[in-house]
Amino acid sequence: MTRVLSVVFLFVVSVCIAGWQLHLNHDVWTPDGAIYLRMTMQHRGMDAESARTATNQFMLDELTKASASTPGAGSSNDRALYAQTPPQYYTDQFELFRNRPLYPIVAATIYPRFGPYSLKIVSAIAYVATVMAMLAILLSMTSTVKALIGALVFATEPVVLSLAALPLTDELALFFWTCAFGAVLAYQRKPSAISGAVILFASIALTFTRPAFFLPLGAGIGAYFVLRRSAGALAAFAPLGAALVATIAYLGFSAAVHGASLTMQLHWQYAWQQSINGFGSQSSPAVWYVKSLALSVYRMVLLAVPNLGGVILVLFALFGLRYARTSGAALISVASAIAIALAIFANPLDIERPVLLPLAPIVVVLAIVGIDRLYVRERQPADA
């Protein structure tokens, strides 16, 4: 009964938070969101040019509303993105999103009822689903009270909360990553066909939402090292094999639709920074890349703790790292975190969404590992 009540309580709280975030972000739209809106319209049957025209008009109308209520909003630079002839970097950006179709496909299913706001509603629903998935993971690891507290902390981590109702893929991708990560943790405790299937399908869904195939690969590698001596070679390889299948599916689809490669993405980022006179953009591509990497690492140091739940949570997570050799959950978390760090090399301009966001469930899991270890240590003298 306690577990049922915790599930109901967290569901109600997360729905309320999602509703509040929808209210706060009602008028917030981004250039990336405009691209996803175009893709959503195309999935509803509009041709590419009609979708672009309709999206541009919607975004211009939103900028007009913003400028009426907020001085300085809706600048000429913002409006230029939705002109008949936008800057070349923004025209090229649409091609980068060809290999991430799932989010606009999902939004397209409710578009007739909610219009452009379907994108934000999908993100809000994904936020609630991710919080509930996090609770399920923690309930399988620790007591109900600690699991509920951990899930509430996860739900209010700034990097998770800030994307809860924006027209972006990130919250939906976080849901699939959390499911894949949780399924790997469940598989290493007790290998089963069900958890293996969840790893496979969640990994595939993740890669078609965002090109983040390296996330389940990292978790799969960690599970392999946990299981290779106790479960047999085939069972130990299964999570990694599922992640590899998802990776191959993503690469095949990306090639079929001429999606962006890593080289194309980096070239686009450099061209974008040159167009807006961004950091290091007056340097050569190689120098710009090194400078951007250094800046990303610096920002990571500054932003990681406040965005991932604060000092206390991160300290518990660091304590949990001490048990990477004895705890399968900790080892899988470490392997996943190492894989996530690779995203900095693929996108040196952003750490919040590709790095800090997927780290959020890992930090909570490691914190629970640390708290449980501390609890055991405190109980041992009394038990003796």
Protein backbone atom coordinates (compact mmCIF):
# COMPACT_ATOMS: atom_id res chain seq x y z
CA MET A 1 0.00 0.00 0.00
CA THR A 2 2.86 2.39 0.79
CA ARG A 3 4.31 1.87 -2.68
CA VAL A 4 0.94 2.42 -4.34
CA LEU A 5 0.47 5.65 -2.41
CA SER A 6 3.97 6.81 -3.37
CA VAL A 7 3.22 6.16 -7.04
CA VAL A 8 -0.07 8.06 -6.88
CA PHE A 9 1.48 10.93 -4.93
CA LEU A 10 4.41 11.32 -7.35
CA PHE A 11 2.12 11.11 -10.36
CA VAL A 12 -0.10 13.89 -9.04
CA VAL A 13 2.91 16.05 -8.14
CA SER A 14 4.61 15.56 -11.51
CA VAL A 15 1.39 16.30 -13.41
CA CYS A 16 0.99 19.53 -11.43
CA ILE A 17 4.59 20.49 -12.13
CA ALA A 18 4.18 19.72 -15.84
CA GLY A 19 0.98 21.79 -15.97
CA TRP A 20 2.71 24.71 -14.27
CA GLN A 21 5.63 24.48 -16.69
CA LEU A 22 3.21 24.50 -19.61
CA HIS A 23 1.72 27.68 -18.19
CA LEU A 24 5.12 29.31 -17.67
CA ASN A 25 6.37 28.33 -21.13
CA HIS A 26 3.15 29.01 -23.01
CA ASP A 27 4.74 31.78 -25.07
CA VAL A 28 8.28 30.38 -25.24
CA TRP A 29 9.37 29.25 -28.71
CA THR A 30 12.83 28.52 -30.04
CA PRO A 31 14.40 28.27 -33.51
CA ASP A 32 14.84 24.52 -32.94
CA GLY A 33 11.18 24.31 -31.97
CA ALA A 34 10.24 26.00 -35.24
CA ILE A 35 12.05 23.27 -37.16
CA TYR A 36 10.23 20.56 -35.23
CA LEU A 37 6.97 22.36 -35.92
CA ARG A 38 7.71 22.27 -39.65
CA MET A 39 8.43 18.56 -39.42
CA THR A 40 5.20 18.00 -37.46
CA MET A 41 3.18 19.80 -40.11
CA GLN A 42 4.81 17.71 -42.83
CA HIS A 43 3.88 14.54 -40.94
CA ARG A 44 0.30 15.82 -41.01
CA GLY A 45 0.44 15.88 -44.81
CA MET A 46 1.57 19.43 -45.62
CA ASP A 47 4.18 19.85 -48.33
CA ALA A 48 7.58 21.21 -47.29
CA GLU A 49 7.08 24.76 -48.57
CA SER A 50 3.59 25.14 -47.08
CA ALA A 51 4.87 23.87 -43.73
CA ARG A 52 7.76 26.32 -43.82
CA THR A 53 5.46 29.23 -44.68
CA ALA A 54 2.94 28.34 -41.97
CA THR A 55 5.67 27.89 -39.37
CA ASN A 56 7.33 31.19 -40.25
CA GLN A 57 4.03 33.02 -39.92
CA PHE A 58 3.33 31.39 -36.57
CA MET A 59 6.77 32.28 -35.25
CA LEU A 60 6.51 35.87 -36.46
CA ASP A 61 3.13 36.19 -34.75
CA GLU A 62 4.63 34.82 -31.53
CA LEU A 63 7.53 37.27 -31.75
CA THR A 64 5.05 40.12 -32.21
CA LYS A 65 3.21 39.04 -29.06
CA ALA A 66 6.48 38.78 -27.17
CA SER A 67 7.64 42.22 -28.24
CA ALA A 68 4.33 43.73 -27.12
CA SER A 69 4.76 42.38 -23.58
CA THR A 70 8.55 42.30 -23.20
CA PRO A 71 10.74 45.19 -24.40
CA GLY A 72 13.60 43.91 -26.53
CA ALA A 73 11.93 40.64 -27.45
CA GLY A 74 11.30 39.81 -31.09
CA SER A 75 14.41 41.56 -32.40
CA SER A 76 15.20 41.91 -36.08
CA ASN A 77 17.76 39.11 -35.76
CA ASP A 78 15.06 36.78 -34.44
CA ARG A 79 12.66 37.77 -37.19
CA ALA A 80 15.30 37.22 -39.85
CA LEU A 81 15.19 33.48 -39.13
CA TYR A 82 11.59 33.36 -40.37
CA ALA A 83 11.93 35.65 -43.36
CA GLN A 84 11.51 34.44 -46.91
CA THR A 85 15.29 34.20 -47.19
CA PRO A 86 16.66 33.32 -43.75
CA PRO A 87 20.37 33.17 -42.87
CA GLN A 88 22.12 30.26 -44.53
CA TYR A 89 23.04 28.58 -41.25
CA TYR A 90 19.37 28.37 -40.28
CA THR A 91 18.40 27.00 -43.67
CA ASP A 92 21.08 24.34 -43.32
CA GLN A 93 20.01 23.48 -39.78
CA PHE A 94 16.83 21.82 -41.00
CA GLU A 95 18.93 19.13 -42.66
CA LEU A 96 20.57 18.30 -39.33
CA PHE A 97 17.21 17.18 -37.93
CA ARG A 98 16.32 14.66 -40.63
CA ASN A 99 17.59 11.76 -38.55
CA ARG A 100 15.48 12.59 -35.47
CA PRO A 101 11.90 12.02 -36.67
CA LEU A 102 10.17 10.46 -33.66
CA TYR A 103 9.38 13.61 -31.67
CA PRO A 104 7.50 15.38 -34.50
CA ILE A 105 5.79 12.10 -35.42
CA VAL A 106 4.43 11.81 -31.87
CA ALA A 107 3.44 15.49 -31.84
CA ALA A 108 1.66 15.03 -35.17
CA THR A 109 -0.77 12.56 -33.59
CA ILE A 110 -2.30 15.29 -31.40
CA TYR A 111 -1.61 18.23 -33.72
CA PRO A 112 -5.22 18.41 -35.06
CA ARG A 113 -6.44 19.03 -31.49
CA PHE A 114 -3.69 21.23 -30.06
CA GLY A 115 -1.91 22.74 -33.06
CA PRO A 116 1.69 23.94 -32.51
CA TYR A 117 1.31 23.49 -28.75
CA SER A 118 1.27 19.73 -29.32
CA LEU A 119 5.08 19.90 -29.24
CA LYS A 120 5.04 21.31 -25.72
CA ILE A 121 2.36 18.90 -24.57
CA VAL A 122 4.44 15.93 -25.74
CA SER A 123 7.39 17.27 -23.74
CA ALA A 124 5.20 17.74 -20.65
CA ILE A 125 3.80 14.21 -20.90
CA ALA A 126 7.33 12.86 -21.42
CA TYR A 127 8.43 14.71 -18.28
CA VAL A 128 5.74 12.99 -16.20
CA ALA A 129 6.56 9.61 -17.74
CA THR A 130 10.27 10.09 -17.05
CA VAL A 131 9.67 10.93 -13.40
CA MET A 132 7.53 7.82 -13.00
CA ALA A 133 10.18 5.71 -14.74
CA MET A 134 12.76 7.10 -12.33
CA LEU A 135 10.57 6.10 -9.40
CA ALA A 136 10.27 2.56 -10.78
CA ILE A 137 14.06 2.32 -11.05
CA LEU A 138 14.61 3.53 -7.51
CA LEU A 139 11.87 1.31 -6.03
CA SER A 140 13.77 -1.68 -7.41
CA MET A 141 16.93 -0.52 -5.63
CA THR A 142 15.96 0.92 -2.26
CA SER A 143 13.15 1.54 0.22
CA THR A 144 9.94 3.29 -0.75
CA VAL A 145 10.72 6.48 1.18
CA LYS A 146 14.20 6.87 -0.30
CA ALA A 147 12.89 6.04 -3.77
CA LEU A 148 10.17 8.67 -3.51
CA ILE A 149 12.60 11.31 -2.26
CA GLY A 150 15.06 10.44 -5.02
CA ALA A 151 12.35 10.68 -7.69
CA LEU A 152 11.20 14.05 -6.33
CA VAL A 153 14.76 15.33 -6.41
CA PHE A 154 15.08 14.08 -9.99
CA ALA A 155 11.80 15.78 -10.95
CA THR A 156 13.08 19.11 -9.64
CA GLU A 157 16.66 18.96 -10.91
CA PRO A 158 16.96 22.28 -12.79
CA VAL A 159 18.20 20.70 -16.02
CA VAL A 160 15.22 18.31 -16.05
CA LEU A 161 12.64 20.86 -14.98
CA SER A 162 13.74 23.57 -17.41
CA LEU A 163 12.93 21.39 -20.44
CA ALA A 164 9.66 19.97 -19.12
CA ALA A 165 7.39 21.88 -21.49
CA LEU A 166 9.52 23.26 -24.31
CA PRO A 167 9.10 22.42 -28.03
CA LEU A 168 12.27 20.30 -28.07
CA THR A 169 13.15 16.62 -28.29
CA ASP A 170 15.05 16.54 -25.03
CA GLU A 171 12.38 15.48 -22.56
CA LEU A 172 11.14 12.67 -24.79
CA ALA A 173 14.72 11.53 -25.34
CA LEU A 174 15.30 11.63 -21.58
CA PHE A 175 12.32 9.33 -21.09
CA PHE A 176 13.69 6.73 -23.49
CA TRP A 177 17.19 7.02 -22.04
CA THR A 178 15.87 6.62 -18.49
CA CYS A 179 13.92 3.52 -19.55
CA ALA A 180 16.96 2.03 -21.30
CA PHE A 181 19.21 2.84 -18.35
CA GLY A 182 16.74 1.38 -15.85
CA ALA A 183 16.31 -1.76 -17.96
CA VAL A 184 20.08 -2.30 -18.03
CA LEU A 185 20.17 -1.96 -14.24
CA ALA A 186 17.31 -4.47 -13.95
CA TYR A 187 19.02 -6.86 -16.37
CA GLN A 188 22.29 -6.88 -14.44
CA ARG A 189 20.40 -7.83 -11.27
CA LYS A 190 18.45 -10.60 -13.01
CA PRO A 191 18.86 -11.19 -16.75
CA SER A 192 15.47 -11.62 -18.43
CA ALA A 193 13.91 -11.39 -21.86
CA ILE A 194 11.59 -8.60 -20.70
CA SER A 195 14.35 -6.25 -19.53
CA GLY A 196 16.38 -7.15 -22.63
CA ALA A 197 13.43 -6.20 -24.86
CA VAL A 198 12.99 -2.91 -23.00
CA ILE A 199 16.68 -2.12 -23.55
CA LEU A 200 16.30 -2.80 -27.27
CA PHE A 201 13.10 -0.85 -27.89
CA ALA A 202 14.00 2.07 -25.61
CA SER A 203 17.43 2.34 -27.27
CA ILE A 204 15.89 2.34 -30.74
CA ALA A 205 13.33 4.95 -29.73
CA LEU A 206 16.09 7.08 -28.18
CA THR A 207 18.24 7.06 -31.30
CA PHE A 208 15.29 8.08 -33.47
CA THR A 209 14.50 10.94 -31.07
CA ARG A 210 18.04 12.25 -30.70
CA PRO A 211 21.26 10.78 -32.16
CA ALA A 212 22.40 9.60 -28.71
CA PHE A 213 23.21 5.96 -29.47
CA PHE A 214 26.33 6.22 -27.31
CA LEU A 215 24.21 6.37 -24.13
CA PRO A 216 22.86 2.78 -24.17
CA LEU A 217 26.21 1.64 -25.57
CA GLY A 218 27.94 2.93 -22.44
CA ALA A 219 25.38 1.27 -20.16
CA GLY A 220 25.67 -1.97 -22.14
CA ILE A 221 29.45 -1.99 -21.80
CA GLY A 222 29.13 -1.48 -18.05
CA ALA A 223 26.62 -4.35 -17.81
CA TYR A 224 28.94 -6.61 -19.78
CA PHE A 225 31.74 -6.14 -17.28
CA VAL A 226 29.34 -6.71 -14.38
CA LEU A 227 27.88 -9.92 -15.82
CA ARG A 228 30.69 -11.54 -17.80
CA ARG A 229 31.83 -13.78 -14.92
CA SER A 230 28.48 -14.67 -13.41
CA ALA A 231 25.91 -14.85 -16.20
CA GLY A 232 27.79 -16.31 -19.16
CA ALA A 233 29.06 -14.67 -22.33
CA LEU A 234 25.74 -14.52 -24.18
CA ALA A 235 23.73 -13.08 -21.30
CA ALA A 236 26.49 -10.60 -20.48
CA PHE A 237 26.59 -9.37 -24.08
CA ALA A 238 22.81 -9.00 -24.49
CA PRO A 239 22.45 -5.35 -23.26
CA LEU A 240 25.41 -4.27 -25.37
CA GLY A 241 24.05 -6.23 -28.32
CA ALA A 242 20.67 -4.49 -28.00
CA ALA A 243 22.42 -1.11 -27.98
CA LEU A 244 24.44 -2.10 -31.04
CA VAL A 245 21.25 -3.09 -32.89
CA ALA A 246 19.79 0.34 -32.10
CA THR A 247 22.98 2.00 -33.29
CA ILE A 248 22.95 0.08 -36.58
CA ALA A 249 19.26 0.92 -37.08
CA TYR A 250 20.00 4.61 -36.50
CA LEU A 251 23.00 4.66 -38.84
CA GLY A 252 21.04 2.86 -41.54
CA PHE A 253 18.12 5.26 -41.30
CA SER A 254 20.42 8.27 -41.21
CA ALA A 255 22.16 7.11 -44.37
CA ALA A 256 18.81 6.49 -46.09
CA VAL A 257 17.52 10.01 -45.38
CA HIS A 258 20.94 11.64 -45.86
CA GLY A 259 21.07 12.70 -42.23
CA ALA A 260 23.89 14.75 -40.81
CA SER A 261 27.17 13.06 -40.01
CA LEU A 262 29.43 14.17 -37.19
CA THR A 263 31.63 16.04 -39.65
CA MET A 264 28.61 17.84 -41.14
CA GLN A 265 27.39 18.80 -37.69
CA LEU A 266 30.74 20.27 -36.66
CA HIS A 267 31.04 22.17 -39.95
CA TRP A 268 27.54 23.58 -39.38
CA GLN A 269 28.38 24.63 -35.83
CA TYR A 270 31.45 26.49 -37.02
CA ALA A 271 29.48 28.20 -39.82
CA TRP A 272 26.77 29.15 -37.33
CA GLN A 273 29.26 30.69 -34.93
CA GLN A 274 30.83 32.63 -37.78
CA SER A 275 27.43 33.96 -38.82
CA ILE A 276 26.58 35.23 -35.34
CA ASN A 277 30.18 36.18 -34.46
CA GLY A 278 30.25 33.60 -31.68
CA PHE A 279 33.03 32.52 -29.36
CA GLY A 280 36.27 31.81 -31.24
CA SER A 281 34.58 32.17 -34.62
CA GLN A 282 37.35 34.37 -36.01
CA SER A 283 39.85 31.54 -35.58
CA SER A 284 40.46 28.61 -37.89
CA PRO A 285 38.09 25.61 -37.52
CA ALA A 286 40.69 23.63 -35.55
CA VAL A 287 41.43 26.50 -33.14
CA TRP A 288 37.71 27.25 -32.76
CA TYR A 289 37.07 23.60 -31.90
CA VAL A 290 39.79 23.49 -29.23
CA LYS A 291 38.60 26.77 -27.72
CA SER A 292 35.00 25.58 -27.70
CA LEU A 293 35.96 22.32 -26.02
CA ALA A 294 37.85 24.22 -23.33
CA LEU A 295 34.88 26.52 -22.77
CA SER A 296 32.53 23.53 -22.53
CA VAL A 297 34.68 21.89 -19.88
CA TYR A 298 34.81 25.18 -17.97
CA ARG A 299 31.02 25.55 -18.15
CA MET A 300 30.63 21.94 -17.10
CA VAL A 301 32.57 22.64 -13.92
CA LEU A 302 30.44 25.71 -13.20
CA LEU A 303 27.02 24.32 -14.10
CA ALA A 304 27.11 20.63 -13.22
CA VAL A 305 26.42 20.86 -9.48
CA PRO A 306 23.60 23.46 -9.53
CA ASN A 307 21.89 21.81 -12.53
CA LEU A 308 22.08 18.27 -11.16
CA GLY A 309 20.40 18.75 -7.83
CA GLY A 310 22.84 20.69 -5.71
CA VAL A 311 25.86 20.00 -3.55
CA ILE A 312 24.33 17.40 -1.20
CA LEU A 313 23.01 15.18 -3.99
CA VAL A 314 26.28 15.33 -5.91
CA LEU A 315 28.26 14.51 -2.75
CA PHE A 316 26.11 11.43 -2.16
CA ALA A 317 26.64 10.46 -5.81
CA LEU A 318 30.41 10.84 -5.44
CA PHE A 319 30.27 8.65 -2.35
CA GLY A 320 28.37 6.08 -4.41
CA LEU A 321 31.24 6.08 -6.91
CA ARG A 322 33.45 4.48 -4.26
CA TYR A 323 31.47 1.30 -4.71
CA ALA A 324 31.82 0.97 -8.48
CA ARG A 325 33.61 -2.34 -8.02
CA THR A 326 31.08 -3.88 -5.66
CA SER A 327 27.84 -2.40 -6.99
CA GLY A 328 26.64 -3.28 -10.47
CA ALA A 329 24.46 -0.17 -10.52
CA ALA A 330 27.45 2.04 -9.78
CA LEU A 331 29.63 0.44 -12.44
CA ILE A 332 26.92 0.77 -15.10
CA SER A 333 26.39 4.39 -14.04
CA VAL A 334 30.09 5.15 -14.37
CA ALA A 335 30.28 3.53 -17.81
CA SER A 336 27.21 5.50 -18.93
CA ALA A 337 28.67 8.76 -17.60
CA ILE A 338 31.89 8.17 -19.52
CA ALA A 339 29.88 7.61 -22.71
CA ILE A 340 27.91 10.80 -22.07
CA ALA A 341 31.14 12.76 -21.77
CA LEU A 342 31.86 11.90 -25.41
CA ALA A 343 28.98 14.20 -26.39
CA ILE A 344 31.19 17.19 -25.57
CA PHE A 345 33.45 16.26 -28.48
CA ALA A 346 30.50 15.97 -30.87
CA ASN A 347 28.86 19.22 -29.72
CA PRO A 348 31.25 21.60 -27.98
CA LEU A 349 28.67 24.40 -27.99
CA ASP A 350 26.13 22.92 -25.58
CA ILE A 351 26.55 20.93 -22.39
CA GLU A 352 23.15 21.33 -20.71
CA ARG A 353 21.04 19.26 -23.11
CA PRO A 354 23.43 16.59 -24.51
CA VAL A 355 25.53 16.15 -21.33
CA LEU A 356 23.93 17.35 -18.10
CA LEU A 357 20.42 16.15 -18.95
CA PRO A 358 21.31 12.47 -19.52
CA LEU A 359 23.54 12.65 -16.44
CA ALA A 360 20.53 13.54 -14.29
CA PRO A 361 19.18 9.99 -13.73
CA ILE A 362 22.73 8.66 -13.27
CA VAL A 363 23.49 11.15 -10.50
CA VAL A 364 20.29 10.20 -8.67
CA VAL A 365 21.05 6.46 -8.96
CA LEU A 366 24.61 6.95 -7.72
CA ALA A 367 23.31 9.09 -4.86
CA ILE A 368 20.95 6.29 -3.82
CA VAL A 369 23.86 3.82 -3.95
CA GLY A 370 25.87 6.16 -1.72
CA ILE A 371 22.99 6.72 0.71
CA ASP A 372 22.33 3.00 1.01
CA ARG A 373 26.01 2.30 1.68
CA LEU A 374 26.10 4.98 4.36
CA TYR A 375 22.94 3.55 5.90
CA VAL A 376 24.47 0.07 6.03
CA ARG A 377 27.63 1.42 7.65
CA GLU A 378 25.59 3.25 10.29
CA ARG A 379 23.50 0.15 11.04
CA GLN A 380 26.36 -2.31 11.31
CA PRO A 381 27.48 -1.43 14.90
CA ALA A 382 23.91 -1.66 16.19
CA ASP A 383 23.33 -4.96 14.41
CA ALA A 384 26.53 -6.38 15.86
